[in-house]
Amino acid sequence: MTSLRSAPSWLHRGCSVSLVGRPNHRDAYLIRHRSGVLLGSAPNLDAARRLIDEQIPLLRQRLAASA
């Protein structure tokens, strides 16, 4: 029997950060907002946190404008 395991993931400011590749490679972590919007990818967790911190205010503005 084969067990399916999901990729390790973390939460930061309402975003899911999932390990989808080898750490320290360009697209190692995939970052997705809880709304489903894909924010991008990052090579490490520090870069993922920075991307989230930069993109969250802009994403919130876009979501509010479309509501």
Protein backbone atom coordinates (compact mmCIF):
# COMPACT_ATOMS: atom_id res chain seq x y z
CA MET A 1 0.00 0.00 0.00
CA THR A 2 1.30 3.42 -0.96
CA SER A 3 0.73 6.38 1.33
CA LEU A 4 0.30 9.82 -0.15
CA ARG A 5 1.94 12.55 1.86
CA SER A 6 1.34 16.21 1.26
CA ALA A 7 4.21 18.64 1.01
CA PRO A 8 5.29 20.27 4.28
CA SER A 9 3.66 23.67 4.64
CA TRP A 10 3.67 26.64 6.99
CA LEU A 11 1.40 29.61 7.56
CA HIS A 12 2.55 33.23 7.65
CA ARG A 13 0.10 36.17 7.74
CA GLY A 14 -2.72 34.12 6.25
CA CYS A 15 -0.60 32.60 3.50
CA SER A 16 0.38 29.00 2.98
CA VAL A 17 4.06 28.38 2.25
CA SER A 18 4.56 24.89 0.82
CA LEU A 19 7.82 23.12 0.15
CA VAL A 20 7.45 21.90 -3.44
CA GLY A 21 11.08 21.51 -4.49
CA ARG A 22 14.56 21.22 -3.10
CA PRO A 23 15.40 23.94 -0.54
CA ASN A 24 17.58 26.79 -1.81
CA HIS A 25 16.47 26.28 -5.41
CA ARG A 26 14.63 29.11 -7.15
CA ASP A 27 11.12 27.66 -6.83
CA ALA A 28 11.50 25.59 -3.65
CA TYR A 29 8.56 27.19 -1.82
CA LEU A 30 5.16 28.04 -3.28
CA ILE A 31 3.27 30.88 -1.58
CA ARG A 32 -0.52 31.10 -1.78
CA HIS A 33 -2.87 33.51 0.03
CA ARG A 34 -5.85 32.00 1.88
CA SER A 35 -8.10 33.49 -0.82
CA GLY A 36 -6.44 31.15 -3.31
CA VAL A 37 -4.34 33.82 -5.02
CA LEU A 38 -0.86 32.59 -5.89
CA LEU A 39 1.72 35.13 -4.66
CA GLY A 40 4.76 33.43 -6.16
CA SER A 41 7.65 31.22 -5.22
CA ALA A 42 10.85 31.60 -3.21
CA PRO A 43 14.12 29.74 -2.67
CA ASN A 44 13.92 29.76 1.15
CA LEU A 45 11.62 30.61 4.06
CA ASP A 46 13.18 34.03 4.66
CA ALA A 47 12.55 35.01 1.05
CA ALA A 48 9.01 33.61 1.31
CA ARG A 49 8.33 35.77 4.39
CA ARG A 50 9.68 38.87 2.63
CA LEU A 51 7.54 38.19 -0.44
CA ILE A 52 4.43 37.81 1.72
CA ASP A 53 5.20 40.96 3.71
CA GLU A 54 5.64 42.92 0.46
CA GLN A 55 2.60 41.51 -1.35
CA ILE A 56 -0.04 41.34 1.42
CA PRO A 57 -0.90 45.08 1.44
CA LEU A 58 -1.25 45.13 -2.36
CA LEU A 59 -3.33 41.94 -2.40
CA ARG A 60 -5.66 43.26 0.30
CA GLN A 61 -6.19 46.45 -1.73
CA ARG A 62 -7.01 44.43 -4.87
CA LEU A 63 -9.40 42.15 -2.99
CA ALA A 64 -11.16 45.12 -1.37
CA ALA A 65 -11.49 46.89 -4.73
CA SER A 66 -13.05 43.84 -6.35
CA ALA A 67 -15.59 43.31 -3.56
